[in-house]
């Protein structure tokens, strides 16, 4: 089983996955997610695409991919003299996990306010899905505390 991705930052003013990843990390993950799931990616593969967009150094891409592996976003396998990287999660799985982590944090810190805010959302279908996720968080936390 894959460990949870390390998500320690949340920037509400940034778009999409950049709320929890830096620009280069997000760009690298987006390139990896665009590839077939079972097809590994090398630093060179990513570097060549990124270099066309922005003149980034090879070592910067290598260090960023190493950091993404340490944060459990990527797993790495050594083939001969080359390191091959694979995403640990699809983009949708990653988004679901970071949304769940943020919701859990809000719920634990501000349970009443979080539920009140859900009632005020204009999209009640989305609010119902969020309430369901919060119910699951509450059940899981209660089970953990009961152990």
C-alpha atoms as a PDB file:
ATOM      1  CA  UNK A   1       0.000   0.000   0.000  1.00  0.00           C
ATOM      2  CA  UNK A   2       1.275   3.453  -0.910  1.00  0.00           C
ATOM      3  CA  UNK A   3       1.889   5.987   1.834  1.00  0.00           C
ATOM      4  CA  UNK A   4      -0.130   9.173   1.908  1.00  0.00           C
ATOM      5  CA  UNK A   5       1.362  12.066  -0.044  1.00  0.00           C
ATOM      6  CA  UNK A   6       3.013  14.656   2.169  1.00  0.00           C
ATOM      7  CA  UNK A   7       0.819  17.745   1.984  1.00  0.00           C
ATOM      8  CA  UNK A   8       1.954  20.410   4.415  1.00  0.00           C
ATOM      9  CA  UNK A   9       1.076  23.637   2.602  1.00  0.00           C
ATOM     10  CA  UNK A  10      -2.252  25.042   1.472  1.00  0.00           C
ATOM     11  CA  UNK A  11      -2.401  28.238  -0.577  1.00  0.00           C
ATOM     12  CA  UNK A  12      -6.070  29.139  -1.164  1.00  0.00           C
ATOM     13  CA  UNK A  13      -5.124  31.892  -3.617  1.00  0.00           C
ATOM     14  CA  UNK A  14      -3.430  29.470  -6.069  1.00  0.00           C
ATOM     15  CA  UNK A  15      -5.242  27.512  -8.821  1.00  0.00           C
ATOM     16  CA  UNK A  16      -5.779  23.738  -8.820  1.00  0.00           C
ATOM     17  CA  UNK A  17      -3.042  21.502  -7.469  1.00  0.00           C
ATOM     18  CA  UNK A  18      -0.817  24.556  -7.013  1.00  0.00           C
ATOM     19  CA  UNK A  19      -2.782  25.073  -3.802  1.00  0.00           C
ATOM     20  CA  UNK A  20      -0.610  22.316  -2.295  1.00  0.00           C
ATOM     21  CA  UNK A  21       2.355  22.045  -4.699  1.00  0.00           C
ATOM     22  CA  UNK A  22       4.874  24.556  -5.965  1.00  0.00           C
ATOM     23  CA  UNK A  23       4.721  25.599  -9.617  1.00  0.00           C
ATOM     24  CA  UNK A  24       7.535  23.313 -10.783  1.00  0.00           C
ATOM     25  CA  UNK A  25       6.274  20.375  -8.699  1.00  0.00           C
ATOM     26  CA  UNK A  26       2.781  20.833 -10.148  1.00  0.00           C
ATOM     27  CA  UNK A  27       4.085  21.121 -13.703  1.00  0.00           C
ATOM     28  CA  UNK A  28       6.153  17.938 -13.302  1.00  0.00           C
ATOM     29  CA  UNK A  29       3.221  16.015 -11.828  1.00  0.00           C
ATOM     30  CA  UNK A  30       0.923  17.200 -14.635  1.00  0.00           C
ATOM     31  CA  UNK A  31       3.442  15.964 -17.221  1.00  0.00           C
ATOM     32  CA  UNK A  32       3.738  12.598 -15.475  1.00  0.00           C
ATOM     33  CA  UNK A  33      -0.056  12.246 -15.161  1.00  0.00           C
ATOM     34  CA  UNK A  34      -0.400  12.977 -18.901  1.00  0.00           C
ATOM     35  CA  UNK A  35       1.617   9.839 -19.687  1.00  0.00           C
ATOM     36  CA  UNK A  36       0.163   6.292 -19.697  1.00  0.00           C
ATOM     37  CA  UNK A  37      -0.104   5.028 -16.105  1.00  0.00           C
ATOM     38  CA  UNK A  38       2.229   2.047 -16.497  1.00  0.00           C
ATOM     39  CA  UNK A  39       4.821   3.977 -18.515  1.00  0.00           C
ATOM     40  CA  UNK A  40       7.627   5.232 -16.322  1.00  0.00           C
ATOM     41  CA  UNK A  41       9.191   8.633 -16.761  1.00  0.00           C
ATOM     42  CA  UNK A  42      12.812   9.659 -16.520  1.00  0.00           C
ATOM     43  CA  UNK A  43      14.187  13.001 -15.429  1.00  0.00           C
ATOM     44  CA  UNK A  44      15.425  13.441 -19.014  1.00  0.00           C
ATOM     45  CA  UNK A  45      11.862  12.939 -20.386  1.00  0.00           C
ATOM     46  CA  UNK A  46      10.493  15.663 -18.125  1.00  0.00           C
ATOM     47  CA  UNK A  47      13.507  17.959 -18.527  1.00  0.00           C
ATOM     48  CA  UNK A  48      13.213  17.982 -22.325  1.00  0.00           C
ATOM     49  CA  UNK A  49       9.567  19.089 -22.192  1.00  0.00           C
ATOM     50  CA  UNK A  50      10.147  21.658 -19.457  1.00  0.00           C
ATOM     51  CA  UNK A  51      13.252  23.111 -21.115  1.00  0.00           C
ATOM     52  CA  UNK A  52      11.158  24.078 -24.141  1.00  0.00           C
ATOM     53  CA  UNK A  53       8.742  25.986 -21.872  1.00  0.00           C
ATOM     54  CA  UNK A  54      11.220  27.540 -19.453  1.00  0.00           C
ATOM     55  CA  UNK A  55      14.967  27.277 -19.451  1.00  0.00           C
ATOM     56  CA  UNK A  56      15.159  25.150 -16.304  1.00  0.00           C
ATOM     57  CA  UNK A  57      18.346  23.313 -15.309  1.00  0.00           C
ATOM     58  CA  UNK A  58      18.452  19.515 -15.522  1.00  0.00           C
ATOM     59  CA  UNK A  59      19.573  19.325 -11.877  1.00  0.00           C
ATOM     60  CA  UNK A  60      16.586  21.427 -10.809  1.00  0.00           C
ATOM     61  CA  UNK A  61      14.205  18.942 -12.448  1.00  0.00           C
ATOM     62  CA  UNK A  62      16.143  16.015 -10.962  1.00  0.00           C
ATOM     63  CA  UNK A  63      16.086  17.510  -7.446  1.00  0.00           C
ATOM     64  CA  UNK A  64      12.380  18.345  -7.711  1.00  0.00           C
ATOM     65  CA  UNK A  65      11.490  14.813  -8.841  1.00  0.00           C
ATOM     66  CA  UNK A  66      13.601  13.394  -5.988  1.00  0.00           C
ATOM     67  CA  UNK A  67      11.712  15.642  -3.555  1.00  0.00           C
ATOM     68  CA  UNK A  68       8.354  14.515  -5.022  1.00  0.00           C
ATOM     69  CA  UNK A  69       9.432  10.904  -4.416  1.00  0.00           C
ATOM     70  CA  UNK A  70      10.373  11.714  -0.804  1.00  0.00           C
ATOM     71  CA  UNK A  71       6.926  13.288  -0.364  1.00  0.00           C
ATOM     72  CA  UNK A  72       5.324  10.044  -1.709  1.00  0.00           C
ATOM     73  CA  UNK A  73       3.912  11.626  -4.874  1.00  0.00           C
ATOM     74  CA  UNK A  74       6.235   9.486  -7.006  1.00  0.00           C
ATOM     75  CA  UNK A  75       7.916   6.126  -6.636  1.00  0.00           C
ATOM     76  CA  UNK A  76      11.263   5.451  -8.244  1.00  0.00           C
ATOM     77  CA  UNK A  77      12.780   2.287  -9.692  1.00  0.00           C
ATOM     78  CA  UNK A  78      16.349   1.911 -10.873  1.00  0.00           C
ATOM     79  CA  UNK A  79      16.775   0.339 -14.328  1.00  0.00           C
ATOM     80  CA  UNK A  80      20.400  -0.156 -15.279  1.00  0.00           C
ATOM     81  CA  UNK A  81      21.871   3.341 -14.748  1.00  0.00           C
ATOM     82  CA  UNK A  82      18.562   5.184 -15.021  1.00  0.00           C
ATOM     83  CA  UNK A  83      15.978   6.109 -12.420  1.00  0.00           C
ATOM     84  CA  UNK A  84      12.405   5.675 -13.650  1.00  0.00           C
ATOM     85  CA  UNK A  85       9.601   7.525 -11.874  1.00  0.00           C
ATOM     86  CA  UNK A  86       5.931   6.526 -11.586  1.00  0.00           C
ATOM     87  CA  UNK A  87       3.050   8.478 -10.073  1.00  0.00           C
ATOM     88  CA  UNK A  88       1.758   6.917  -6.853  1.00  0.00           C
ATOM     89  CA  UNK A  89      -1.710   8.357  -7.505  1.00  0.00           C
ATOM     90  CA  UNK A  90      -3.747   9.421 -10.493  1.00  0.00           C
ATOM     91  CA  UNK A  91      -4.462  13.132 -10.644  1.00  0.00           C
ATOM     92  CA  UNK A  92      -8.034  12.518  -9.473  1.00  0.00           C
ATOM     93  CA  UNK A  93      -6.863  10.354  -6.551  1.00  0.00           C
ATOM     94  CA  UNK A  94      -4.397  13.055  -5.539  1.00  0.00           C
ATOM     95  CA  UNK A  95      -7.034  15.806  -5.668  1.00  0.00           C
ATOM     96  CA  UNK A  96      -9.435  13.652  -3.669  1.00  0.00           C
ATOM     97  CA  UNK A  97      -6.756  13.027  -1.020  1.00  0.00           C
ATOM     98  CA  UNK A  98      -5.744  16.654  -0.630  1.00  0.00           C
ATOM     99  CA  UNK A  99      -9.379  17.805  -0.515  1.00  0.00           C
ATOM    100  CA  UNK A 100     -10.052  15.144   2.109  1.00  0.00           C
ATOM    101  CA  UNK A 101      -7.034  16.233   4.142  1.00  0.00           C
ATOM    102  CA  UNK A 102      -8.108  19.888   4.048  1.00  0.00           C
ATOM    103  CA  UNK A 103     -11.705  19.028   4.925  1.00  0.00           C
ATOM    104  CA  UNK A 104     -10.550  16.863   7.807  1.00  0.00           C
ATOM    105  CA  UNK A 105      -8.375  19.668   9.137  1.00  0.00           C
ATOM    106  CA  UNK A 106     -11.243  22.161   8.881  1.00  0.00           C
ATOM    107  CA  UNK A 107     -13.689  19.751  10.439  1.00  0.00           C
ATOM    108  CA  UNK A 108     -11.413  18.897  13.356  1.00  0.00           C
ATOM    109  CA  UNK A 109     -10.561  22.546  13.982  1.00  0.00           C
ATOM    110  CA  UNK A 110     -13.957  24.117  13.192  1.00  0.00           C
ATOM    111  CA  UNK A 111     -16.627  21.410  13.045  1.00  0.00           C
ATOM    112  CA  UNK A 112     -19.638  23.656  13.677  1.00  0.00           C
ATOM    113  CA  UNK A 113     -18.479  26.390  11.333  1.00  0.00           C
ATOM    114  CA  UNK A 114     -17.618  23.866   8.607  1.00  0.00           C
ATOM    115  CA  UNK A 115     -21.107  22.340   8.697  1.00  0.00           C
ATOM    116  CA  UNK A 116     -22.750  25.793   8.720  1.00  0.00           C
ATOM    117  CA  UNK A 117     -20.714  26.815   5.682  1.00  0.00           C
ATOM    118  CA  UNK A 118     -21.806  23.696   3.796  1.00  0.00           C
ATOM    119  CA  UNK A 119     -25.464  24.619   4.342  1.00  0.00           C
ATOM    120  CA  UNK A 120     -24.800  28.010   2.736  1.00  0.00           C
ATOM    121  CA  UNK A 121     -23.231  26.605  -0.444  1.00  0.00           C
ATOM    122  CA  UNK A 122     -25.254  27.332  -3.607  1.00  0.00           C
ATOM    123  CA  UNK A 123     -24.468  23.892  -5.090  1.00  0.00           C
ATOM    124  CA  UNK A 124     -26.343  21.590  -2.710  1.00  0.00           C
ATOM    125  CA  UNK A 125     -25.244  18.469  -4.588  1.00  0.00           C
ATOM    126  CA  UNK A 126     -21.605  19.384  -3.900  1.00  0.00           C
ATOM    127  CA  UNK A 127     -22.542  20.261  -0.307  1.00  0.00           C
ATOM    128  CA  UNK A 128     -24.138  16.816   0.125  1.00  0.00           C
ATOM    129  CA  UNK A 129     -20.969  15.132  -1.142  1.00  0.00           C
ATOM    130  CA  UNK A 130     -18.884  17.194   1.268  1.00  0.00           C
ATOM    131  CA  UNK A 131     -21.227  16.371   4.165  1.00  0.00           C
ATOM    132  CA  UNK A 132     -20.850  12.687   3.278  1.00  0.00           C
ATOM    133  CA  UNK A 133     -17.064  13.064   3.309  1.00  0.00           C
ATOM    134  CA  UNK A 134     -17.227  14.850   6.678  1.00  0.00           C
ATOM    135  CA  UNK A 135     -19.418  12.043   8.062  1.00  0.00           C
ATOM    136  CA  UNK A 136     -16.776   9.546   6.936  1.00  0.00           C
ATOM    137  CA  UNK A 137     -14.033  11.619   8.619  1.00  0.00           C
ATOM    138  CA  UNK A 138     -16.049  11.739  11.855  1.00  0.00           C
ATOM    139  CA  UNK A 139     -16.638   7.933  11.753  1.00  0.00           C
ATOM    140  CA  UNK A 140     -12.961   7.227  11.062  1.00  0.00           C
ATOM    141  CA  UNK A 141     -11.773   9.576  13.829  1.00  0.00           C
ATOM    142  CA  UNK A 142     -14.243   8.040  16.308  1.00  0.00           C
ATOM    143  CA  UNK A 143     -12.998   4.545  15.418  1.00  0.00           C
ATOM    144  CA  UNK A 144      -9.367   5.662  15.813  1.00  0.00           C
ATOM    145  CA  UNK A 145     -10.092   7.181  19.217  1.00  0.00           C
ATOM    146  CA  UNK A 146     -11.921   4.005  20.292  1.00  0.00           C
ATOM    147  CA  UNK A 147      -8.936   1.768  19.556  1.00  0.00           C
END
